Amino acid sequence: MNAQQKDIRSTSLSLLAQMIFWSRWLQAPLYLGLIAAQGVYVYHFMVELYHLVHDAGTATETKIMLSVLALIDVVMIANLLIMVIIGGYETFVSRLNIREHPDQPEWLSHVNAATMKIKLSMALIGISSIHLLKTFIEVQNVSIPAGTDAALAAQLVAASQVEVKWQVLIHVTFIISAIAMAITDRIMTRTLLEAHGRAEH
């Protein structure tokens, strides 16, 4: 291979590398879409809050509790969206250049792919906990109309119990996954630190 062919090949590889590098911007519309989704959740929150305030005088304590849990659920999902939007953009697309900004989130100063996964797992556990608590409350307050066939009533109760069991199973799965990722991240961090220490010596 002569020098000219080497130059052509080097130029081609350079263009390919630049194309692959710039392809990360294809993710930008995805994050814009998540911002729009967050706007939808803000609207949903305001609707839920209006219903809560409007029915405050007549609603039972259980109904108020369920409404508050629904609001908390929306807030936690919005927090999850913020972590994905800001952390994902910073990690996979481009730097935000807000290191000296007084409103910079504390977690953004040490964000990376590993910490993002752990934080997202913790957020999912929180959301799952809210859904599980709502289900427990709803099951405890389920009312079967008078005159309902005994077999049908038993089926309704069994269906509620199955739903609770599945939600508990999913919740436990989230917890185990988060613990596994945290342990894996700790092992990888320790390995990198040990390798860095050996390299210095």
Foldseek 3Di string as FASTA:
>chain_A
DDPVVVVVVVVVVVVVVVVVLQCLCVCVVVLVVLVVVLVVLVVVLVVLVVVLVVCVVPDDPLVNVLSVLVNVLSVLVSVLSVLCNQLVCCARPHNPPCVPPPPDDPVSVDRYPLVSVLVNLVSVLVSLVSVLVSLVSCLVPDDDDPPDDPVVVVVVNVVSVVVNVVSVVVSVVSVVVSVVSVVVVVVVVVVVVVVVVVVVD
